[in-house]
Amino acid sequence: MTIAEMHEVSKIFIDSRNGKGLVAIRDMSLTIKEGEFLCLIGPSGCGKSTSLNLLAGFETPSRGKVLFRGEPVKGPSPQRGVVFQEPSLFPWMSVLQNVMFSIQSKDKGERKRIALENLRIVSLDGFAHYRPNELSGGMKQRVAIARTLAMNPEMLLMDEPFSNLDEQTRRKMDEEVLKIWKREERTVVFVTHNIEEALMLGTRIVLMSASPGKKEREWVIDLPWPRDPTSDYLMDKKVEMARKMSACHCANSSNDLLEVTD
């Protein structure tokens, strides 16, 4: 069953100083199936994050349609939770208070129960009364994930959430997200520039072309977990994807600029 769609979507960002528009994505079409773990990869600046922001409702398309459950996306919604590159926690609040902040219930006891339940999911219930400055980078990002899960979204949108972590911590966090996805049965759209990360996580991987971005190619990865990155199959896929990504980058190494008139 389809949960979200992009139909021939283009997004142009206008620079009010010179009247020029930057075409971030052009004629992007994408169907997201309920329950899948979809990874978006592509060259830097290809519109991966822009696509995620359109799905989240943070941006509106310049042309085309973005749909969720068959209805146009008109703005942000708790149905579509977002995990950003930076945890963006409130430093003056405890871990528990940060997670409670995202919960809409007016009953404080209910908010606390939901917050603790989601902290348990990310194995941080023992740190409920810590402040963010007392946590490691990986722990902060797990709090951010718990905060998003506490909203009870149907779809998780993750924008390179572990790109600022060291390799060992990133791998551990990837394993945590995979466990959450399996247990919670949420739909996940995961943006990454790391091909190996996409191969280790995704049920489907979509490659976007260089800016202006659009869907270039996709692969279905029908393998069980845990996956071995040194297996012949995944090594071959990694080489294939790296070549395709390099070809995309070389085919269009500059952004499209348009003159915009009233």
C-alpha atoms as a PDB file:
ATOM      1  CA  MET A   1       0.000   0.000   0.000  1.00  0.00           C
ATOM      2  CA  THR A   2       1.268   3.475  -0.887  1.00  0.00           C
ATOM      3  CA  ILE A   3       1.675   5.891   2.026  1.00  0.00           C
ATOM      4  CA  ALA A   4       3.262   8.909   0.296  1.00  0.00           C
ATOM      5  CA  GLU A   5       3.912  10.116  -3.240  1.00  0.00           C
ATOM      6  CA  MET A   6       5.677  12.828  -5.181  1.00  0.00           C
ATOM      7  CA  HIS A   7       4.202  13.438  -8.651  1.00  0.00           C
ATOM      8  CA  GLU A   8       6.463  15.301 -11.106  1.00  0.00           C
ATOM      9  CA  VAL A   9       7.538  17.698  -8.363  1.00  0.00           C
ATOM     10  CA  SER A  10       9.824  20.645  -9.033  1.00  0.00           C
ATOM     11  CA  LYS A  11      11.139  23.039  -6.398  1.00  0.00           C
ATOM     12  CA  ILE A  12      12.684  26.418  -7.160  1.00  0.00           C
ATOM     13  CA  PHE A  13      14.231  28.590  -4.482  1.00  0.00           C
ATOM     14  CA  ILE A  14      14.073  32.294  -5.354  1.00  0.00           C
ATOM     15  CA  ASP A  15      16.851  34.705  -4.398  1.00  0.00           C
ATOM     16  CA  SER A  16      15.014  37.983  -3.765  1.00  0.00           C
ATOM     17  CA  ARG A  17      18.251  39.970  -4.147  1.00  0.00           C
ATOM     18  CA  ASN A  18      18.840  39.163  -7.815  1.00  0.00           C
ATOM     19  CA  GLY A  19      15.559  37.614  -8.931  1.00  0.00           C
ATOM     20  CA  LYS A  20      17.183  34.327  -9.899  1.00  0.00           C
ATOM     21  CA  GLY A  21      15.804  30.940  -8.989  1.00  0.00           C
ATOM     22  CA  LEU A  22      17.787  27.848  -8.036  1.00  0.00           C
ATOM     23  CA  VAL A  23      16.156  24.649  -9.313  1.00  0.00           C
ATOM     24  CA  ALA A  24      16.708  22.160  -6.490  1.00  0.00           C
ATOM     25  CA  ILE A  25      14.647  19.294  -7.926  1.00  0.00           C
ATOM     26  CA  ARG A  26      12.927  18.915 -11.284  1.00  0.00           C
ATOM     27  CA  ASP A  27      10.127  16.517 -12.251  1.00  0.00           C
ATOM     28  CA  MET A  28      10.773  14.285  -9.244  1.00  0.00           C
ATOM     29  CA  SER A  29       8.394  11.345  -8.961  1.00  0.00           C
ATOM     30  CA  LEU A  30       8.579   8.903  -6.074  1.00  0.00           C
ATOM     31  CA  THR A  31       6.218   6.379  -4.510  1.00  0.00           C
ATOM     32  CA  ILE A  32       6.779   5.322  -0.896  1.00  0.00           C
ATOM     33  CA  LYS A  33       5.250   2.055   0.251  1.00  0.00           C
ATOM     34  CA  GLU A  34       3.885   1.578   3.724  1.00  0.00           C
ATOM     35  CA  GLY A  35       6.323  -0.205   6.028  1.00  0.00           C
ATOM     36  CA  GLU A  36       9.372   0.029   3.798  1.00  0.00           C
ATOM     37  CA  PHE A  37      12.798   1.395   4.725  1.00  0.00           C
ATOM     38  CA  LEU A  38      13.589   3.674   1.800  1.00  0.00           C
ATOM     39  CA  CYS A  39      17.038   5.237   1.499  1.00  0.00           C
ATOM     40  CA  LEU A  40      17.693   8.301  -0.670  1.00  0.00           C
ATOM     41  CA  ILE A  41      21.268   8.677  -1.923  1.00  0.00           C
ATOM     42  CA  GLY A  42      22.909  11.007  -4.408  1.00  0.00           C
ATOM     43  CA  PRO A  43      25.627  13.608  -4.966  1.00  0.00           C
ATOM     44  CA  SER A  44      25.889  16.536  -2.586  1.00  0.00           C
ATOM     45  CA  GLY A  45      23.289  19.203  -3.390  1.00  0.00           C
ATOM     46  CA  CYS A  46      21.077  16.880  -5.462  1.00  0.00           C
ATOM     47  CA  GLY A  47      17.917  17.706  -3.511  1.00  0.00           C
ATOM     48  CA  LYS A  48      17.720  14.793  -1.051  1.00  0.00           C
ATOM     49  CA  SER A  49      16.967  17.064   1.908  1.00  0.00           C
ATOM     50  CA  THR A  50      14.644  19.210  -0.211  1.00  0.00           C
ATOM     51  CA  SER A  51      12.639  16.097  -1.096  1.00  0.00           C
ATOM     52  CA  LEU A  52      12.449  15.178   2.583  1.00  0.00           C
ATOM     53  CA  ASN A  53      11.299  18.697   3.498  1.00  0.00           C
ATOM     54  CA  LEU A  54       8.581  18.513   0.847  1.00  0.00           C
ATOM     55  CA  LEU A  55       7.355  15.192   2.250  1.00  0.00           C
ATOM     56  CA  ALA A  56       7.427  16.684   5.759  1.00  0.00           C
ATOM     57  CA  GLY A  57       5.456  19.736   4.653  1.00  0.00           C
ATOM     58  CA  PHE A  58       8.206  22.216   5.531  1.00  0.00           C
ATOM     59  CA  GLU A  59       8.371  23.277   1.873  1.00  0.00           C
ATOM     60  CA  THR A  60       5.709  23.505  -0.823  1.00  0.00           C
ATOM     61  CA  PRO A  61       6.351  22.367  -4.408  1.00  0.00           C
ATOM     62  CA  SER A  62       6.750  24.961  -7.152  1.00  0.00           C
ATOM     63  CA  ARG A  63       5.109  22.464  -9.474  1.00  0.00           C
ATOM     64  CA  GLY A  64       3.628  19.004  -9.066  1.00  0.00           C
ATOM     65  CA  LYS A  65       1.987  17.277  -6.101  1.00  0.00           C
ATOM     66  CA  VAL A  66       3.119  15.794  -2.803  1.00  0.00           C
ATOM     67  CA  LEU A  67       0.580  13.398  -1.288  1.00  0.00           C
ATOM     68  CA  PHE A  68       0.265  11.580   2.037  1.00  0.00           C
ATOM     69  CA  ARG A  69      -2.431   8.933   2.311  1.00  0.00           C
ATOM     70  CA  GLY A  70      -3.761  10.277  -0.982  1.00  0.00           C
ATOM     71  CA  GLU A  71      -4.235  13.818   0.336  1.00  0.00           C
ATOM     72  CA  PRO A  72      -2.093  16.867  -0.563  1.00  0.00           C
ATOM     73  CA  VAL A  73       0.590  17.737   1.980  1.00  0.00           C
ATOM     74  CA  LYS A  74      -0.228  21.295   3.068  1.00  0.00           C
ATOM     75  CA  GLY A  75       2.126  21.672   6.027  1.00  0.00           C
ATOM     76  CA  PRO A  76       3.901  19.822   8.845  1.00  0.00           C
ATOM     77  CA  SER A  77       1.972  17.099  10.664  1.00  0.00           C
ATOM     78  CA  PRO A  78       2.632  14.726  13.589  1.00  0.00           C
ATOM     79  CA  GLN A  79       1.846  11.940  11.099  1.00  0.00           C
ATOM     80  CA  ARG A  80       5.246  12.628   9.524  1.00  0.00           C
ATOM     81  CA  GLY A  81       7.976  12.858  12.150  1.00  0.00           C
ATOM     82  CA  VAL A  82      11.370  14.303  11.229  1.00  0.00           C
ATOM     83  CA  VAL A  83      14.804  13.527  12.688  1.00  0.00           C
ATOM     84  CA  PHE A  84      17.360  16.157  11.629  1.00  0.00           C
ATOM     85  CA  GLN A  85      21.156  16.089  11.334  1.00  0.00           C
ATOM     86  CA  GLU A  86      21.398  17.988  14.628  1.00  0.00           C
ATOM     87  CA  PRO A  87      19.441  16.787  17.698  1.00  0.00           C
ATOM     88  CA  SER A  88      18.330  20.376  18.534  1.00  0.00           C
ATOM     89  CA  LEU A  89      17.531  19.568  22.165  1.00  0.00           C
ATOM     90  CA  PHE A  90      16.615  22.237  24.697  1.00  0.00           C
ATOM     91  CA  PRO A  91      19.740  22.491  26.886  1.00  0.00           C
ATOM     92  CA  TRP A  92      17.847  23.735  29.955  1.00  0.00           C
ATOM     93  CA  MET A  93      15.488  20.731  29.911  1.00  0.00           C
ATOM     94  CA  SER A  94      16.158  17.187  31.062  1.00  0.00           C
ATOM     95  CA  VAL A  95      16.065  14.290  28.593  1.00  0.00           C
ATOM     96  CA  LEU A  96      12.582  13.401  29.839  1.00  0.00           C
ATOM     97  CA  GLN A  97      11.325  16.979  29.492  1.00  0.00           C
ATOM     98  CA  ASN A  98      12.717  17.217  25.941  1.00  0.00           C
ATOM     99  CA  VAL A  99      10.723  14.157  24.902  1.00  0.00           C
ATOM    100  CA  MET A 100       7.597  15.264  26.779  1.00  0.00           C
ATOM    101  CA  PHE A 101       7.717  18.587  24.915  1.00  0.00           C
ATOM    102  CA  SER A 102       6.723  16.876  21.641  1.00  0.00           C
ATOM    103  CA  ILE A 103       3.645  15.160  23.080  1.00  0.00           C
ATOM    104  CA  GLN A 104       0.329  16.926  22.552  1.00  0.00           C
ATOM    105  CA  SER A 105      -1.591  15.416  25.472  1.00  0.00           C
ATOM    106  CA  LYS A 106      -2.534  17.988  28.138  1.00  0.00           C
ATOM    107  CA  ASP A 107      -2.307  15.388  30.900  1.00  0.00           C
ATOM    108  CA  LYS A 108       1.191  15.602  32.408  1.00  0.00           C
ATOM    109  CA  GLY A 109       1.089  12.040  33.730  1.00  0.00           C
ATOM    110  CA  GLU A 110       0.169  10.702  30.289  1.00  0.00           C
ATOM    111  CA  ARG A 111       2.924  12.738  28.631  1.00  0.00           C
ATOM    112  CA  LYS A 112       5.464  11.401  31.124  1.00  0.00           C
ATOM    113  CA  ARG A 113       4.332   7.810  30.542  1.00  0.00           C
ATOM    114  CA  ILE A 114       4.618   8.146  26.759  1.00  0.00           C
ATOM    115  CA  ALA A 115       8.007   9.877  27.043  1.00  0.00           C
ATOM    116  CA  LEU A 116       9.448   7.156  29.292  1.00  0.00           C
ATOM    117  CA  GLU A 117       8.061   4.457  27.014  1.00  0.00           C
ATOM    118  CA  ASN A 118       9.876   5.950  24.024  1.00  0.00           C
ATOM    119  CA  LEU A 119      13.067   6.495  25.989  1.00  0.00           C
ATOM    120  CA  ARG A 120      12.967   2.771  26.771  1.00  0.00           C
ATOM    121  CA  ILE A 121      12.706   2.050  23.044  1.00  0.00           C
ATOM    122  CA  VAL A 122      16.043   3.845  22.483  1.00  0.00           C
ATOM    123  CA  SER A 123      17.521   2.397  25.726  1.00  0.00           C
ATOM    124  CA  LEU A 124      17.788   5.768  27.468  1.00  0.00           C
ATOM    125  CA  ASP A 125      15.171   5.480  30.214  1.00  0.00           C
ATOM    126  CA  GLY A 126      18.032   5.366  32.733  1.00  0.00           C
ATOM    127  CA  PHE A 127      19.117   8.839  31.582  1.00  0.00           C
ATOM    128  CA  ALA A 128      15.701  10.514  31.856  1.00  0.00           C
ATOM    129  CA  HIS A 129      16.885  13.171  34.318  1.00  0.00           C
ATOM    130  CA  TYR A 130      20.195  13.981  32.620  1.00  0.00           C
ATOM    131  CA  ARG A 131      20.726  17.235  30.730  1.00  0.00           C
ATOM    132  CA  PRO A 132      21.808  17.197  27.061  1.00  0.00           C
ATOM    133  CA  ASN A 133      25.316  18.465  27.903  1.00  0.00           C
ATOM    134  CA  GLU A 134      25.848  15.290  29.954  1.00  0.00           C
ATOM    135  CA  LEU A 135      25.223  13.019  26.954  1.00  0.00           C
ATOM    136  CA  SER A 136      27.398  11.818  24.096  1.00  0.00           C
ATOM    137  CA  GLY A 137      26.574  12.759  20.489  1.00  0.00           C
ATOM    138  CA  GLY A 138      24.992   9.372  19.820  1.00  0.00           C
ATOM    139  CA  MET A 139      22.879   9.572  22.973  1.00  0.00           C
ATOM    140  CA  LYS A 140      21.628  13.037  22.031  1.00  0.00           C
ATOM    141  CA  GLN A 141      20.522  11.746  18.658  1.00  0.00           C
ATOM    142  CA  ARG A 142      18.721   8.839  20.339  1.00  0.00           C
ATOM    143  CA  VAL A 143      16.839  11.389  22.464  1.00  0.00           C
ATOM    144  CA  ALA A 144      15.873  13.181  19.241  1.00  0.00           C
ATOM    145  CA  ILE A 145      14.598   9.871  17.820  1.00  0.00           C
ATOM    146  CA  ALA A 146      12.618   9.177  21.018  1.00  0.00           C
ATOM    147  CA  ARG A 147      11.143  12.690  20.836  1.00  0.00           C
ATOM    148  CA  THR A 148       9.986  12.039  17.274  1.00  0.00           C
ATOM    149  CA  LEU A 149       8.625   8.565  18.080  1.00  0.00           C
ATOM    150  CA  ALA A 150       6.662  10.052  20.990  1.00  0.00           C
ATOM    151  CA  MET A 151       4.599  11.975  18.427  1.00  0.00           C
ATOM    152  CA  ASN A 152       3.429   8.555  17.151  1.00  0.00           C
ATOM    153  CA  PRO A 153       4.115   9.344  13.468  1.00  0.00           C
ATOM    154  CA  GLU A 154       3.106   6.979  10.682  1.00  0.00           C
ATOM    155  CA  MET A 155       6.254   7.864   8.738  1.00  0.00           C
ATOM    156  CA  LEU A 156       9.752   8.720   9.963  1.00  0.00           C
ATOM    157  CA  LEU A 157      11.767  11.130   7.820  1.00  0.00           C
ATOM    158  CA  MET A 158      15.462  11.035   8.732  1.00  0.00           C
ATOM    159  CA  ASP A 159      17.830  13.595   7.202  1.00  0.00           C
ATOM    160  CA  GLU A 160      21.394  12.241   7.518  1.00  0.00           C
ATOM    161  CA  PRO A 161      20.825  11.862  11.267  1.00  0.00           C
ATOM    162  CA  PHE A 162      24.206  10.275  11.997  1.00  0.00           C
ATOM    163  CA  SER A 163      26.474  12.147   9.582  1.00  0.00           C
ATOM    164  CA  ASN A 164      28.163  14.082  12.411  1.00  0.00           C
ATOM    165  CA  LEU A 165      29.017  10.968  14.429  1.00  0.00           C
ATOM    166  CA  ASP A 166      32.208   8.926  14.304  1.00  0.00           C
ATOM    167  CA  GLU A 167      32.099   5.707  12.250  1.00  0.00           C
ATOM    168  CA  GLN A 168      31.783   3.323  15.190  1.00  0.00           C
ATOM    169  CA  THR A 169      28.937   5.303  16.768  1.00  0.00           C
ATOM    170  CA  ARG A 170      27.220   5.695  13.408  1.00  0.00           C
ATOM    171  CA  ARG A 171      27.176   1.933  12.870  1.00  0.00           C
ATOM    172  CA  LYS A 172      25.729   1.410  16.342  1.00  0.00           C
ATOM    173  CA  MET A 173      23.031   4.022  15.699  1.00  0.00           C
ATOM    174  CA  ASP A 174      22.177   2.388  12.359  1.00  0.00           C
ATOM    175  CA  GLU A 175      21.590  -0.868  14.236  1.00  0.00           C
ATOM    176  CA  GLU A 176      19.366   0.954  16.757  1.00  0.00           C
ATOM    177  CA  VAL A 177      17.242   2.522  13.996  1.00  0.00           C
ATOM    178  CA  LEU A 178      16.877  -0.843  12.286  1.00  0.00           C
ATOM    179  CA  LYS A 179      15.654  -2.411  15.547  1.00  0.00           C
ATOM    180  CA  ILE A 180      13.141   0.424  16.028  1.00  0.00           C
ATOM    181  CA  TRP A 181      11.890   0.072  12.441  1.00  0.00           C
ATOM    182  CA  LYS A 182      11.366  -3.682  12.849  1.00  0.00           C
ATOM    183  CA  ARG A 183       9.699  -3.359  16.249  1.00  0.00           C
ATOM    184  CA  GLU A 184       7.527  -0.300  15.588  1.00  0.00           C
ATOM    185  CA  GLU A 185       6.681  -1.162  11.956  1.00  0.00           C
ATOM    186  CA  ARG A 186       6.908   2.467  10.821  1.00  0.00           C
ATOM    187  CA  THR A 187       7.667   3.640   7.300  1.00  0.00           C
ATOM    188  CA  VAL A 188      11.139   5.189   7.136  1.00  0.00           C
ATOM    189  CA  VAL A 189      12.631   7.535   4.538  1.00  0.00           C
ATOM    190  CA  PHE A 190      16.331   7.861   5.302  1.00  0.00           C
ATOM    191  CA  VAL A 191      18.589  10.379   3.558  1.00  0.00           C
ATOM    192  CA  THR A 192      22.288   9.543   3.451  1.00  0.00           C
ATOM    193  CA  HIS A 193      25.336  10.205   1.281  1.00  0.00           C
ATOM    194  CA  ASN A 194      26.891   6.954   2.541  1.00  0.00           C
ATOM    195  CA  ILE A 195      26.246   4.093   0.083  1.00  0.00           C
ATOM    196  CA  GLU A 196      27.289   1.390   2.558  1.00  0.00           C
ATOM    197  CA  GLU A 197      24.908   2.782   5.184  1.00  0.00           C
ATOM    198  CA  ALA A 198      22.057   2.631   2.662  1.00  0.00           C
ATOM    199  CA  LEU A 199      22.939  -0.960   1.756  1.00  0.00           C
ATOM    200  CA  MET A 200      23.026  -2.013   5.396  1.00  0.00           C
ATOM    201  CA  LEU A 201      19.630  -0.454   6.172  1.00  0.00           C
ATOM    202  CA  GLY A 202      17.378  -0.124   3.163  1.00  0.00           C
ATOM    203  CA  THR A 203      14.737  -2.365   1.665  1.00  0.00           C
ATOM    204  CA  ARG A 204      14.893  -0.038  -1.340  1.00  0.00           C
ATOM    205  CA  ILE A 205      17.505   2.517  -2.396  1.00  0.00           C
ATOM    206  CA  VAL A 206      16.758   5.432  -4.709  1.00  0.00           C
ATOM    207  CA  LEU A 207      19.584   7.331  -6.404  1.00  0.00           C
ATOM    208  CA  MET A 208      18.946  10.978  -7.228  1.00  0.00           C
ATOM    209  CA  SER A 209      20.696  12.755 -10.082  1.00  0.00           C
ATOM    210  CA  ALA A 210      22.893  15.816  -9.607  1.00  0.00           C
ATOM    211  CA  SER A 211      21.099  19.148  -9.221  1.00  0.00           C
ATOM    212  CA  PRO A 212      18.424  19.695 -10.312  1.00  0.00           C
ATOM    213  CA  GLY A 213      17.633  16.389  -8.677  1.00  0.00           C
ATOM    214  CA  LYS A 214      15.240  13.725  -9.851  1.00  0.00           C
ATOM    215  CA  LYS A 215      14.946   9.976  -9.466  1.00  0.00           C
ATOM    216  CA  GLU A 216      17.733   8.425 -11.507  1.00  0.00           C
ATOM    217  CA  ARG A 217      17.730   4.754 -10.523  1.00  0.00           C
ATOM    218  CA  GLU A 218      16.501   2.438  -7.789  1.00  0.00           C
ATOM    219  CA  TRP A 219      17.484  -0.912  -6.320  1.00  0.00           C
ATOM    220  CA  VAL A 220      15.456  -3.332  -4.204  1.00  0.00           C
ATOM    221  CA  ILE A 221      17.662  -4.942  -1.532  1.00  0.00           C
ATOM    222  CA  ASP A 222      15.901  -8.180  -0.628  1.00  0.00           C
ATOM    223  CA  LEU A 223      18.310  -9.422   2.040  1.00  0.00           C
ATOM    224  CA  PRO A 224      17.779 -10.340   5.699  1.00  0.00           C
ATOM    225  CA  TRP A 225      19.509  -8.578   8.584  1.00  0.00           C
ATOM    226  CA  PRO A 226      22.149  -8.367   9.881  1.00  0.00           C
ATOM    227  CA  ARG A 227      23.867  -7.816   6.553  1.00  0.00           C
ATOM    228  CA  ASP A 228      27.523  -8.437   5.822  1.00  0.00           C
ATOM    229  CA  PRO A 229      29.051  -5.407   4.031  1.00  0.00           C
ATOM    230  CA  THR A 230      31.924  -7.598   2.822  1.00  0.00           C
ATOM    231  CA  SER A 231      29.648 -10.092   1.034  1.00  0.00           C
ATOM    232  CA  ASP A 232      30.151 -10.351  -2.725  1.00  0.00           C
ATOM    233  CA  TYR A 233      26.575  -9.192  -3.398  1.00  0.00           C
ATOM    234  CA  LEU A 234      26.789  -6.018  -1.307  1.00  0.00           C
ATOM    235  CA  MET A 235      30.314  -5.214  -2.490  1.00  0.00           C
ATOM    236  CA  ASP A 236      29.145  -5.485  -6.112  1.00  0.00           C
ATOM    237  CA  LYS A 237      26.123  -3.273  -5.371  1.00  0.00           C
ATOM    238  CA  LYS A 238      28.325  -0.711  -3.646  1.00  0.00           C
ATOM    239  CA  VAL A 239      30.623  -0.475  -6.683  1.00  0.00           C
ATOM    240  CA  GLU A 240      27.636  -0.260  -9.041  1.00  0.00           C
ATOM    241  CA  MET A 241      25.992   2.519  -7.021  1.00  0.00           C
ATOM    242  CA  ALA A 242      29.243   4.461  -6.665  1.00  0.00           C
ATOM    243  CA  ARG A 243      29.714   4.382 -10.445  1.00  0.00           C
ATOM    244  CA  LYS A 244      26.144   5.478 -11.090  1.00  0.00           C
ATOM    245  CA  MET A 245      26.465   8.301  -8.559  1.00  0.00           C
ATOM    246  CA  SER A 246      29.728   9.447 -10.113  1.00  0.00           C
ATOM    247  CA  ALA A 247      28.130   9.402 -13.567  1.00  0.00           C
ATOM    248  CA  CYS A 248      25.205  11.494 -12.257  1.00  0.00           C
ATOM    249  CA  HIS A 249      27.607  14.051 -10.811  1.00  0.00           C
ATOM    250  CA  CYS A 250      29.646  14.313 -14.000  1.00  0.00           C
ATOM    251  CA  ALA A 251      26.561  14.557 -16.208  1.00  0.00           C
ATOM    252  CA  ASN A 252      25.448  17.753 -14.491  1.00  0.00           C
ATOM    253  CA  SER A 253      28.031  19.325 -12.207  1.00  0.00           C
ATOM    254  CA  SER A 254      26.384  22.762 -11.982  1.00  0.00           C
ATOM    255  CA  ASN A 255      23.086  23.976 -10.563  1.00  0.00           C
ATOM    256  CA  ASP A 256      20.365  25.345 -12.839  1.00  0.00           C
ATOM    257  CA  LEU A 257      19.732  29.068 -12.411  1.00  0.00           C
ATOM    258  CA  LEU A 258      16.621  30.694 -13.801  1.00  0.00           C
ATOM    259  CA  GLU A 259      15.731  34.311 -14.314  1.00  0.00           C
ATOM    260  CA  VAL A 260      12.445  34.867 -12.478  1.00  0.00           C
ATOM    261  CA  THR A 261      10.121  37.694 -13.478  1.00  0.00           C
ATOM    262  CA  ASP A 262       6.812  38.783 -12.007  1.00  0.00           C
END
